[in-house]
């Protein structure tokens, strides 16, 4: 079925710049909206619109009419926008004056103080454990990983007790069942 848009596409494919200009003006707002939604930046969306129209003009003869012309244009727009996003991520850089923390061998004084405070609190709570639980935690942290059922159970109870005693530091309750290393690290 021959629609006015199909006629415009056929004329554009045969070289009519006026027909392509009409198609471009008809679909520009849709292309811009898709570009803006993906790129989240007006200038980039405008650049993408221009790139899409240029690509469409150059490759109009590859449009086969199996879908609507607007669908074909939106496909080009999405591909161009995604390529722009990939390039943006790849080209990100950190100015040298702002990147000093990447290679600084020393931690900031705030981090050092926080770690020291946390270490002191943890040691205080470990010392409050029963001797059996305290010894099991100390053996485990020193690398002695004995894994009998009784030792695993003791270690589990000791970690749970420590976690519960120190949960006020994290402003939320930590579930008793959370004794795995992932749970400890997640907190």
N, C-alpha and C. Protein backbone atom coordinates (compact mmCIF):
# COMPACT_ATOMS: atom_id res chain seq x y z
N UNK A 1 0.84 -1.17 0.00
CA UNK A 1 0.00 0.00 0.00
C UNK A 1 0.88 1.23 0.00
N UNK A 2 0.63 2.13 -0.88
CA UNK A 2 1.42 3.34 -1.06
C UNK A 2 0.87 4.45 -0.16
N UNK A 3 1.66 4.84 0.84
CA UNK A 3 1.28 5.94 1.73
C UNK A 3 2.10 7.17 1.36
N UNK A 4 1.69 8.33 1.83
CA UNK A 4 2.48 9.54 1.54
C UNK A 4 3.92 9.42 2.04
N UNK A 5 4.12 8.77 3.19
CA UNK A 5 5.48 8.61 3.69
C UNK A 5 6.29 7.68 2.78
N UNK A 6 5.67 6.59 2.31
CA UNK A 6 6.37 5.68 1.40
C UNK A 6 6.76 6.40 0.11
N UNK A 7 5.91 7.29 -0.35
CA UNK A 7 6.20 8.08 -1.54
C UNK A 7 7.40 8.98 -1.28
N UNK A 8 7.42 9.63 -0.11
CA UNK A 8 8.55 10.49 0.25
C UNK A 8 9.85 9.69 0.33
N UNK A 9 9.78 8.50 0.92
CA UNK A 9 10.97 7.66 1.04
C UNK A 9 11.47 7.27 -0.35
N UNK A 10 10.56 6.87 -1.22
CA UNK A 10 10.95 6.49 -2.59
C UNK A 10 11.59 7.66 -3.31
N UNK A 11 11.03 8.85 -3.13
CA UNK A 11 11.62 10.04 -3.77
C UNK A 11 13.00 10.35 -3.18
N UNK A 12 13.13 10.20 -1.86
CA UNK A 12 14.42 10.44 -1.21
C UNK A 12 15.46 9.42 -1.68
N UNK A 13 15.03 8.18 -1.87
CA UNK A 13 15.95 7.15 -2.34
C UNK A 13 16.39 7.39 -3.78
N UNK A 14 15.55 8.08 -4.54
CA UNK A 14 15.93 8.39 -5.92
C UNK A 14 16.73 9.69 -6.00
N UNK A 15 17.02 10.32 -4.84
CA UNK A 15 17.92 11.47 -4.85
C UNK A 15 17.27 12.80 -4.52
N UNK A 16 16.02 12.85 -4.18
CA UNK A 16 15.34 14.11 -3.88
C UNK A 16 15.70 14.59 -2.47
N UNK A 17 16.43 15.69 -2.41
CA UNK A 17 16.81 16.26 -1.12
C UNK A 17 15.60 16.88 -0.43
N UNK A 18 14.67 17.41 -1.21
CA UNK A 18 13.46 18.00 -0.63
C UNK A 18 12.63 16.93 0.08
N UNK A 19 12.52 15.77 -0.52
CA UNK A 19 11.75 14.68 0.09
C UNK A 19 12.42 14.25 1.40
N UNK A 20 13.76 14.16 1.40
CA UNK A 20 14.45 13.77 2.62
C UNK A 20 14.29 14.86 3.69
N UNK A 21 14.36 16.12 3.30
CA UNK A 21 14.17 17.22 4.25
C UNK A 21 12.79 17.15 4.89
N UNK A 22 11.80 16.80 4.12
CA UNK A 22 10.45 16.67 4.65
C UNK A 22 10.36 15.51 5.65
N UNK A 23 10.99 14.38 5.29
CA UNK A 23 11.02 13.24 6.21
C UNK A 23 11.77 13.61 7.50
N UNK A 24 12.88 14.32 7.36
CA UNK A 24 13.68 14.71 8.53
C UNK A 24 12.89 15.62 9.45
N UNK A 25 12.20 16.60 8.88
CA UNK A 25 11.44 17.52 9.73
C UNK A 25 10.28 16.80 10.42
N UNK A 26 9.73 15.80 9.74
CA UNK A 26 8.60 15.04 10.30
C UNK A 26 9.03 14.18 11.50
N UNK A 27 10.27 13.65 11.46
CA UNK A 27 10.70 12.69 12.48
C UNK A 27 11.75 13.24 13.44
N UNK A 28 12.18 14.47 13.28
CA UNK A 28 13.26 15.03 14.11
C UNK A 28 12.91 15.05 15.60
N UNK A 29 11.69 15.43 15.93
CA UNK A 29 11.35 15.52 17.35
C UNK A 29 11.38 14.14 18.02
N UNK A 30 10.96 13.11 17.32
CA UNK A 30 10.97 11.76 17.87
C UNK A 30 12.42 11.28 18.09
N UNK A 31 13.27 11.55 17.11
CA UNK A 31 14.68 11.16 17.22
C UNK A 31 15.32 11.91 18.40
N UNK A 32 15.02 13.19 18.51
CA UNK A 32 15.58 14.01 19.59
C UNK A 32 15.15 13.47 20.95
N UNK A 33 13.87 13.12 21.09
CA UNK A 33 13.36 12.61 22.37
C UNK A 33 14.05 11.31 22.77
N UNK A 34 14.22 10.39 21.82
CA UNK A 34 14.91 9.14 22.12
C UNK A 34 16.36 9.41 22.49
N UNK A 35 17.00 10.30 21.76
CA UNK A 35 18.40 10.63 22.04
C UNK A 35 18.54 11.24 23.42
N UNK A 36 17.66 12.16 23.77
CA UNK A 36 17.71 12.82 25.07
C UNK A 36 17.47 11.83 26.19
N UNK A 37 16.56 10.90 25.99
CA UNK A 37 16.27 9.90 27.00
C UNK A 37 17.50 9.03 27.28
N UNK A 38 18.26 8.72 26.26
CA UNK A 38 19.44 7.87 26.44
C UNK A 38 20.63 8.67 26.94
N UNK A 39 20.87 9.84 26.34
CA UNK A 39 22.09 10.59 26.63
C UNK A 39 21.99 11.52 27.84
N UNK A 40 20.76 11.88 28.23
CA UNK A 40 20.54 12.73 29.40
C UNK A 40 21.25 14.09 29.30
N UNK A 41 21.39 14.59 28.08
CA UNK A 41 22.10 15.86 27.88
C UNK A 41 21.58 16.48 26.59
N UNK A 42 21.11 17.72 26.66
CA UNK A 42 20.49 18.36 25.49
C UNK A 42 21.46 18.51 24.33
N UNK A 43 22.69 18.98 24.64
CA UNK A 43 23.66 19.20 23.56
C UNK A 43 24.01 17.88 22.86
N UNK A 44 24.21 16.83 23.65
CA UNK A 44 24.52 15.53 23.06
C UNK A 44 23.35 15.00 22.24
N UNK A 45 22.13 15.25 22.72
CA UNK A 45 20.94 14.80 21.99
C UNK A 45 20.83 15.55 20.66
N UNK A 46 21.14 16.84 20.66
CA UNK A 46 21.12 17.61 19.41
C UNK A 46 22.19 17.12 18.44
N UNK A 47 23.38 16.85 18.97
CA UNK A 47 24.45 16.29 18.13
C UNK A 47 24.03 14.94 17.56
N UNK A 48 23.41 14.14 18.40
CA UNK A 48 22.97 12.82 17.96
C UNK A 48 21.93 12.93 16.85
N UNK A 49 21.02 13.90 16.99
CA UNK A 49 20.00 14.13 15.95
C UNK A 49 20.67 14.43 14.62
N UNK A 50 21.66 15.30 14.64
CA UNK A 50 22.37 15.64 13.39
C UNK A 50 23.09 14.42 12.82
N UNK A 51 23.74 13.64 13.69
CA UNK A 51 24.44 12.44 13.21
C UNK A 51 23.47 11.43 12.61
N UNK A 52 22.32 11.28 13.25
CA UNK A 52 21.32 10.32 12.76
C UNK A 52 20.82 10.75 11.38
N UNK A 53 20.50 12.03 11.24
CA UNK A 53 19.99 12.51 9.95
C UNK A 53 21.05 12.38 8.86
N UNK A 54 22.31 12.63 9.21
CA UNK A 54 23.39 12.47 8.25
C UNK A 54 23.53 11.00 7.84
N UNK A 55 23.51 10.10 8.85
CA UNK A 55 23.59 8.66 8.55
C UNK A 55 22.41 8.21 7.69
N UNK A 56 21.24 8.69 8.04
CA UNK A 56 20.04 8.30 7.28
C UNK A 56 20.13 8.81 5.85
N UNK A 57 20.60 10.04 5.66
CA UNK A 57 20.74 10.59 4.31
C UNK A 57 21.73 9.78 3.48
N UNK A 58 22.85 9.44 4.11
CA UNK A 58 23.88 8.67 3.39
C UNK A 58 23.41 7.25 3.07
N UNK A 59 22.60 6.67 3.95
CA UNK A 59 22.23 5.26 3.80
C UNK A 59 20.75 5.05 3.48
N UNK A 60 20.11 6.05 2.94
CA UNK A 60 18.67 5.95 2.64
C UNK A 60 18.36 4.78 1.71
N UNK A 61 19.30 4.44 0.86
CA UNK A 61 19.06 3.34 -0.09
C UNK A 61 19.09 1.97 0.58
N UNK A 62 19.60 1.90 1.81
CA UNK A 62 19.60 0.61 2.52
C UNK A 62 18.26 0.35 3.20
N UNK A 63 17.41 1.38 3.31
CA UNK A 63 16.09 1.19 3.89
C UNK A 63 15.26 0.36 2.91
N UNK A 64 14.76 -0.79 3.39
CA UNK A 64 14.06 -1.73 2.51
C UNK A 64 12.55 -1.68 2.64
N UNK A 65 12.04 -0.92 3.58
CA UNK A 65 10.59 -0.79 3.71
C UNK A 65 9.94 -1.93 4.45
N UNK A 66 10.72 -2.78 5.14
CA UNK A 66 10.15 -3.89 5.90
C UNK A 66 9.54 -3.40 7.21
N UNK A 67 9.93 -2.22 7.61
CA UNK A 67 9.37 -1.59 8.81
C UNK A 67 9.02 -0.15 8.44
N UNK A 68 8.47 0.57 9.40
CA UNK A 68 8.18 1.96 9.12
C UNK A 68 9.49 2.74 9.07
N UNK A 69 9.48 3.83 8.35
CA UNK A 69 10.67 4.66 8.23
C UNK A 69 11.07 5.21 9.59
N UNK A 70 10.11 5.57 10.41
CA UNK A 70 10.41 6.11 11.74
C UNK A 70 11.12 5.06 12.60
N UNK A 71 10.74 3.81 12.47
CA UNK A 71 11.38 2.72 13.22
C UNK A 71 12.83 2.60 12.81
N UNK A 72 13.08 2.70 11.52
CA UNK A 72 14.45 2.63 11.01
C UNK A 72 15.27 3.80 11.56
N UNK A 73 14.71 5.00 11.57
CA UNK A 73 15.42 6.17 12.09
C UNK A 73 15.69 6.05 13.59
N UNK A 74 14.71 5.56 14.33
CA UNK A 74 14.89 5.40 15.78
C UNK A 74 15.99 4.37 16.05
N UNK A 75 16.05 3.32 15.25
CA UNK A 75 17.12 2.32 15.40
C UNK A 75 18.49 2.95 15.22
N UNK A 76 18.61 3.79 14.20
CA UNK A 76 19.87 4.50 13.98
C UNK A 76 20.16 5.42 15.17
N UNK A 77 19.14 6.12 15.66
CA UNK A 77 19.31 7.04 16.78
C UNK A 77 19.79 6.32 18.03
N UNK A 78 19.18 5.19 18.33
CA UNK A 78 19.56 4.44 19.52
C UNK A 78 21.00 3.94 19.39
N UNK A 79 21.36 3.39 18.23
CA UNK A 79 22.73 2.91 18.02
C UNK A 79 23.74 4.04 18.16
N UNK A 80 23.45 5.18 17.55
CA UNK A 80 24.37 6.33 17.64
C UNK A 80 24.50 6.80 19.08
N UNK A 81 23.39 6.87 19.80
CA UNK A 81 23.42 7.33 21.19
C UNK A 81 24.22 6.37 22.07
N UNK A 82 24.02 5.07 21.87
CA UNK A 82 24.77 4.09 22.66
C UNK A 82 26.26 4.15 22.35
N UNK A 83 26.61 4.36 21.08
CA UNK A 83 28.02 4.51 20.74
C UNK A 83 28.60 5.75 21.42
N UNK A 84 27.82 6.82 21.48
CA UNK A 84 28.28 8.05 22.13
C UNK A 84 28.48 7.80 23.63
N UNK A 85 27.57 7.05 24.26
CA UNK A 85 27.73 6.72 25.68
C UNK A 85 28.98 5.89 25.92
N UNK A 86 29.23 4.90 25.06
CA UNK A 86 30.43 4.07 25.20
C UNK A 86 31.68 4.93 25.09
N UNK A 87 31.68 5.83 24.13
CA UNK A 87 32.83 6.72 23.92
C UNK A 87 33.00 7.64 25.12
N UNK A 88 31.90 8.12 25.67
CA UNK A 88 31.96 9.01 26.84
C UNK A 88 32.58 8.27 28.01
N UNK A 89 32.18 7.02 28.23
CA UNK A 89 32.76 6.24 29.33
C UNK A 89 34.23 5.97 29.10
N UNK A 90 34.58 5.66 27.87
CA UNK A 90 35.96 5.34 27.54
C UNK A 90 36.85 6.57 27.68
N UNK A 91 36.31 7.74 27.36
CA UNK A 91 37.11 8.96 27.37
C UNK A 91 37.15 9.67 28.72
N UNK A 92 36.45 9.11 29.71
CA UNK A 92 36.48 9.75 31.03
C UNK A 92 37.91 9.77 31.54
N UNK A 93 38.28 10.86 32.15
CA UNK A 93 39.60 10.94 32.74
C UNK A 93 39.49 11.71 34.05
N UNK A 94 40.49 11.52 34.87
CA UNK A 94 40.53 12.23 36.15
C UNK A 94 41.72 13.16 36.09
N UNK A 95 41.51 14.47 36.30
CA UNK A 95 42.65 15.39 36.31
C UNK A 95 43.66 14.97 37.37
N UNK A 96 44.94 15.17 37.10
CA UNK A 96 45.98 14.70 37.98
C UNK A 96 45.87 15.27 39.39
N UNK A 97 45.53 16.55 39.52
CA UNK A 97 45.45 17.12 40.86
C UNK A 97 44.33 16.48 41.67
N UNK A 98 43.31 15.91 41.01
CA UNK A 98 42.20 15.27 41.72
C UNK A 98 42.42 13.78 41.94
N UNK A 99 43.45 13.21 41.32
CA UNK A 99 43.65 11.77 41.36
C UNK A 99 44.75 11.35 42.33
N UNK A 100 45.24 12.26 43.15
CA UNK A 100 46.36 11.94 44.03
C UNK A 100 46.03 10.81 45.00
N UNK A 101 44.75 10.67 45.36
CA UNK A 101 44.38 9.60 46.29
C UNK A 101 44.56 8.21 45.69
N UNK A 102 44.69 8.11 44.34
CA UNK A 102 44.86 6.80 43.73
C UNK A 102 46.24 6.22 44.02
N UNK A 103 47.25 7.07 44.09
CA UNK A 103 48.59 6.53 44.27
C UNK A 103 49.20 6.89 45.62
N UNK A 104 48.46 7.55 46.45
CA UNK A 104 48.97 7.93 47.76
C UNK A 104 49.11 6.69 48.62
N UNK A 105 50.32 6.40 49.12
CA UNK A 105 50.51 5.21 49.94
C UNK A 105 49.92 5.37 51.34
N UNK A 106 49.66 6.59 51.79
CA UNK A 106 49.14 6.83 53.12
C UNK A 106 47.65 7.10 53.07
N UNK A 107 46.96 6.58 54.05
CA UNK A 107 45.53 6.84 54.18
C UNK A 107 45.35 8.23 54.78
N UNK A 108 44.20 8.80 54.52
CA UNK A 108 43.92 10.12 55.08
C UNK A 108 43.84 10.01 56.60
N UNK A 109 44.11 11.09 57.33
CA UNK A 109 44.03 11.04 58.79
C UNK A 109 42.65 10.63 59.29
N UNK A 110 41.59 11.02 58.58
CA UNK A 110 40.24 10.64 58.99
C UNK A 110 40.05 9.13 58.91
N UNK A 111 40.53 8.55 57.83
CA UNK A 111 40.39 7.10 57.64
C UNK A 111 41.22 6.36 58.68
N UNK A 112 42.44 6.84 58.92
CA UNK A 112 43.29 6.21 59.93
C UNK A 112 42.64 6.26 61.30
N UNK A 113 42.08 7.41 61.66
CA UNK A 113 41.44 7.55 62.98
C UNK A 113 40.21 6.65 63.09
N UNK A 114 39.42 6.59 62.03
CA UNK A 114 38.22 5.74 62.04
C UNK A 114 38.60 4.27 62.18
N UNK A 115 39.61 3.85 61.43
CA UNK A 115 40.05 2.45 61.52
C UNK A 115 40.57 2.12 62.92
N UNK A 116 41.35 3.03 63.50
CA UNK A 116 41.88 2.79 64.84
C UNK A 116 40.75 2.69 65.85
N UNK A 117 39.76 3.56 65.73
CA UNK A 117 38.62 3.53 66.64
C UNK A 117 37.84 2.22 66.49
N UNK A 118 37.61 1.82 65.25
CA UNK A 118 36.88 0.56 64.99
C UNK A 118 37.66 -0.64 65.52
N UNK A 119 38.97 -0.63 65.32
CA UNK A 119 39.82 -1.72 65.80
C UNK A 119 39.74 -1.81 67.33
N UNK A 120 39.80 -0.66 68.01
CA UNK A 120 39.73 -0.65 69.47
C UNK A 120 38.38 -1.19 69.96
N UNK A 121 37.30 -0.77 69.31
CA UNK A 121 35.97 -1.26 69.69
C UNK A 121 35.86 -2.77 69.48
N UNK A 122 36.39 -3.25 68.36
CA UNK A 122 36.32 -4.68 68.06
C UNK A 122 37.12 -5.48 69.08
N UNK A 123 38.32 -5.01 69.39
CA UNK A 123 39.16 -5.72 70.38
C UNK A 123 38.46 -5.75 71.73
N UNK A 124 37.86 -4.64 72.11
CA UNK A 124 37.15 -4.56 73.40
C UNK A 124 36.03 -5.60 73.45
N UNK A 125 35.28 -5.71 72.34
CA UNK A 125 34.17 -6.66 72.31
C UNK A 125 34.67 -8.11 72.24
N UNK A 126 35.78 -8.35 71.55
CA UNK A 126 36.34 -9.72 71.50
C UNK A 126 36.77 -10.14 72.90
N UNK A 127 37.37 -9.21 73.65
CA UNK A 127 37.81 -9.54 75.00
C UNK A 127 36.64 -9.81 75.95
N UNK A 128 35.47 -9.31 75.64
CA UNK A 128 34.27 -9.56 76.46
C UNK A 128 33.63 -10.92 76.18
N UNK A 129 34.05 -11.59 75.10
CA UNK A 129 33.50 -12.91 74.78
C UNK A 129 33.96 -13.94 75.79
N UNK A 130 33.26 -15.06 75.84
CA UNK A 130 33.69 -16.17 76.71
C UNK A 130 35.06 -16.65 76.20
N UNK A 131 35.87 -17.22 77.06
CA UNK A 131 37.21 -17.66 76.64
C UNK A 131 37.18 -18.61 75.44
N UNK A 132 36.22 -19.52 75.42
CA UNK A 132 36.13 -20.47 74.31
C UNK A 132 35.89 -19.73 72.99
N UNK A 133 34.90 -18.85 72.97
CA UNK A 133 34.58 -18.09 71.75
C UNK A 133 35.71 -17.15 71.37
N UNK A 134 36.30 -16.48 72.38
CA UNK A 134 37.40 -15.54 72.11
C UNK A 134 38.57 -16.28 71.46
N UNK A 135 38.92 -17.44 72.00
CA UNK A 135 40.04 -18.21 71.45
C UNK A 135 39.76 -18.68 70.03
N UNK A 136 38.52 -19.10 69.78
CA UNK A 136 38.17 -19.56 68.43
C UNK A 136 38.26 -18.42 67.42
N UNK A 137 37.78 -17.24 67.79
CA UNK A 137 37.87 -16.07 66.89
C UNK A 137 39.33 -15.72 66.65
N UNK A 138 40.13 -15.71 67.70
CA UNK A 138 41.55 -15.35 67.56
C UNK A 138 42.30 -16.37 66.71
N UNK A 139 42.02 -17.66 66.91
CA UNK A 139 42.66 -18.69 66.07
C UNK A 139 42.27 -18.49 64.60
N UNK A 140 40.99 -18.23 64.38
CA UNK A 140 40.50 -18.06 63.00
C UNK A 140 41.14 -16.84 62.34
N UNK A 141 41.22 -15.72 63.05
CA UNK A 141 41.80 -14.51 62.45
C UNK A 141 43.30 -14.65 62.23
N UNK A 142 43.95 -15.52 63.00
CA UNK A 142 45.39 -15.72 62.83
C UNK A 142 45.68 -16.74 61.72
N UNK A 143 44.65 -17.27 61.10
CA UNK A 143 44.86 -18.15 59.97
C UNK A 143 44.69 -19.62 60.28
N UNK A 144 44.45 -19.97 61.53
CA UNK A 144 44.27 -21.37 61.90
C UNK A 144 42.81 -21.73 61.67
N UNK A 145 42.54 -22.34 60.55
CA UNK A 145 41.15 -22.62 60.18
C UNK A 145 40.84 -24.10 60.43
N UNK A 146 40.55 -24.40 61.65
CA UNK A 146 40.13 -25.76 62.00
C UNK A 146 38.63 -25.82 61.78
N UNK A 147 38.16 -26.89 61.22
CA UNK A 147 36.75 -26.90 60.82
C UNK A 147 35.96 -28.10 61.33
N UNK A 148 36.08 -28.40 62.59
CA UNK A 148 35.19 -29.42 63.13
C UNK A 148 33.83 -28.75 63.35
N UNK A 149 32.81 -29.54 63.52
CA UNK A 149 31.47 -28.98 63.72
C UNK A 149 31.42 -28.10 64.96
N UNK A 150 32.05 -28.52 66.01
CA UNK A 150 32.04 -27.74 67.26
C UNK A 150 32.73 -26.40 67.06
N UNK A 151 33.85 -26.40 66.33
CA UNK A 151 34.59 -25.15 66.11
C UNK A 151 33.81 -24.20 65.21
N UNK A 152 33.19 -24.76 64.19
CA UNK A 152 32.37 -23.92 63.30
C UNK A 152 31.23 -23.30 64.07
N UNK A 153 30.61 -24.09 64.93
CA UNK A 153 29.50 -23.62 65.72
C UNK A 153 29.95 -22.52 66.69
N UNK A 154 31.06 -22.73 67.35
CA UNK A 154 31.60 -21.74 68.28
C UNK A 154 31.93 -20.44 67.55
N UNK A 155 32.56 -20.59 66.41
CA UNK A 155 32.93 -19.42 65.60
C UNK A 155 31.69 -18.66 65.15
N UNK A 156 30.67 -19.40 64.73
CA UNK A 156 29.41 -18.79 64.30
C UNK A 156 28.78 -18.00 65.43
N UNK A 157 28.70 -18.60 66.61
CA UNK A 157 28.10 -17.92 67.76
C UNK A 157 28.90 -16.69 68.17
N UNK A 158 30.22 -16.81 68.10
CA UNK A 158 31.07 -15.67 68.47
C UNK A 158 30.89 -14.52 67.49
N UNK A 159 30.85 -14.84 66.20
CA UNK A 159 30.64 -13.78 65.19
C UNK A 159 29.28 -13.13 65.35
N UNK A 160 28.28 -13.97 65.61
CA UNK A 160 26.92 -13.43 65.79
C UNK A 160 26.87 -12.50 66.99
N UNK A 161 27.51 -12.92 68.07
CA UNK A 161 27.52 -12.11 69.29
C UNK A 161 28.25 -10.79 69.04
N UNK A 162 29.39 -10.84 68.36
CA UNK A 162 30.13 -9.61 68.04
C UNK A 162 29.32 -8.69 67.14
N UNK A 163 28.71 -9.30 66.15
CA UNK A 163 27.92 -8.53 65.20
C UNK A 163 26.77 -7.80 65.91
N UNK A 164 26.13 -8.51 66.82
CA UNK A 164 25.01 -7.91 67.54
C UNK A 164 25.49 -6.79 68.47
N UNK A 165 26.60 -7.02 69.13
CA UNK A 165 27.14 -6.01 70.05
C UNK A 165 27.61 -4.75 69.31
N UNK A 166 28.08 -4.92 68.09
CA UNK A 166 28.62 -3.78 67.33
C UNK A 166 27.62 -3.20 66.34
N UNK A 167 26.42 -3.73 66.30
CA UNK A 167 25.45 -3.28 65.30
C UNK A 167 25.06 -1.82 65.47
N UNK A 168 25.18 -1.28 66.68
CA UNK A 168 24.84 0.13 66.88
C UNK A 168 25.74 1.05 66.04
N UNK A 169 26.92 0.57 65.69
CA UNK A 169 27.83 1.37 64.85
C UNK A 169 27.29 1.56 63.44
N UNK A 170 26.46 0.62 63.03
CA UNK A 170 25.97 0.65 61.65
C UNK A 170 24.54 1.15 61.56
N UNK A 171 23.98 1.59 62.69
CA UNK A 171 22.64 2.19 62.75
C UNK A 171 21.54 1.28 62.24
N UNK A 172 21.75 -0.02 62.30
CA UNK A 172 20.70 -0.96 61.93
C UNK A 172 21.02 -2.29 62.59
N UNK A 173 20.01 -3.07 62.79
CA UNK A 173 20.20 -4.38 63.40
C UNK A 173 20.70 -5.34 62.33
N UNK A 174 21.62 -6.17 62.72
CA UNK A 174 22.14 -7.17 61.81
C UNK A 174 21.47 -8.49 62.18
N UNK A 175 20.88 -9.18 61.23
CA UNK A 175 20.18 -10.43 61.53
C UNK A 175 21.10 -11.44 62.20
N UNK A 176 20.57 -12.18 63.16
CA UNK A 176 21.36 -13.20 63.85
C UNK A 176 21.87 -14.27 62.89
N UNK A 177 21.08 -14.57 61.89
CA UNK A 177 21.46 -15.64 60.96
C UNK A 177 22.61 -15.25 60.05
N UNK A 178 23.00 -14.00 60.07
CA UNK A 178 24.01 -13.49 59.14
C UNK A 178 25.41 -13.72 59.72
N UNK A 179 25.98 -14.86 59.45
CA UNK A 179 27.31 -15.15 60.00
C UNK A 179 28.33 -15.41 58.91
N UNK A 180 27.95 -15.27 57.67
CA UNK A 180 28.90 -15.52 56.60
C UNK A 180 29.81 -14.33 56.43
N UNK A 181 30.91 -14.52 55.78
CA UNK A 181 31.87 -13.46 55.53
C UNK A 181 31.25 -12.37 54.68
N UNK A 182 30.38 -12.71 53.72
CA UNK A 182 29.73 -11.71 52.88
C UNK A 182 28.85 -10.81 53.73
N UNK A 183 28.15 -11.37 54.70
CA UNK A 183 27.30 -10.55 55.57
C UNK A 183 28.15 -9.60 56.38
N UNK A 184 29.27 -10.06 56.89
CA UNK A 184 30.14 -9.22 57.69
C UNK A 184 30.66 -8.07 56.82
N UNK A 185 31.08 -8.39 55.62
CA UNK A 185 31.61 -7.35 54.73
C UNK A 185 30.54 -6.40 54.24
N UNK A 186 29.32 -6.89 54.10
CA UNK A 186 28.22 -6.04 53.62
C UNK A 186 27.88 -5.00 54.65
N UNK A 187 28.08 -5.27 55.90
CA UNK A 187 27.77 -4.32 56.96
C UNK A 187 28.88 -3.34 57.00
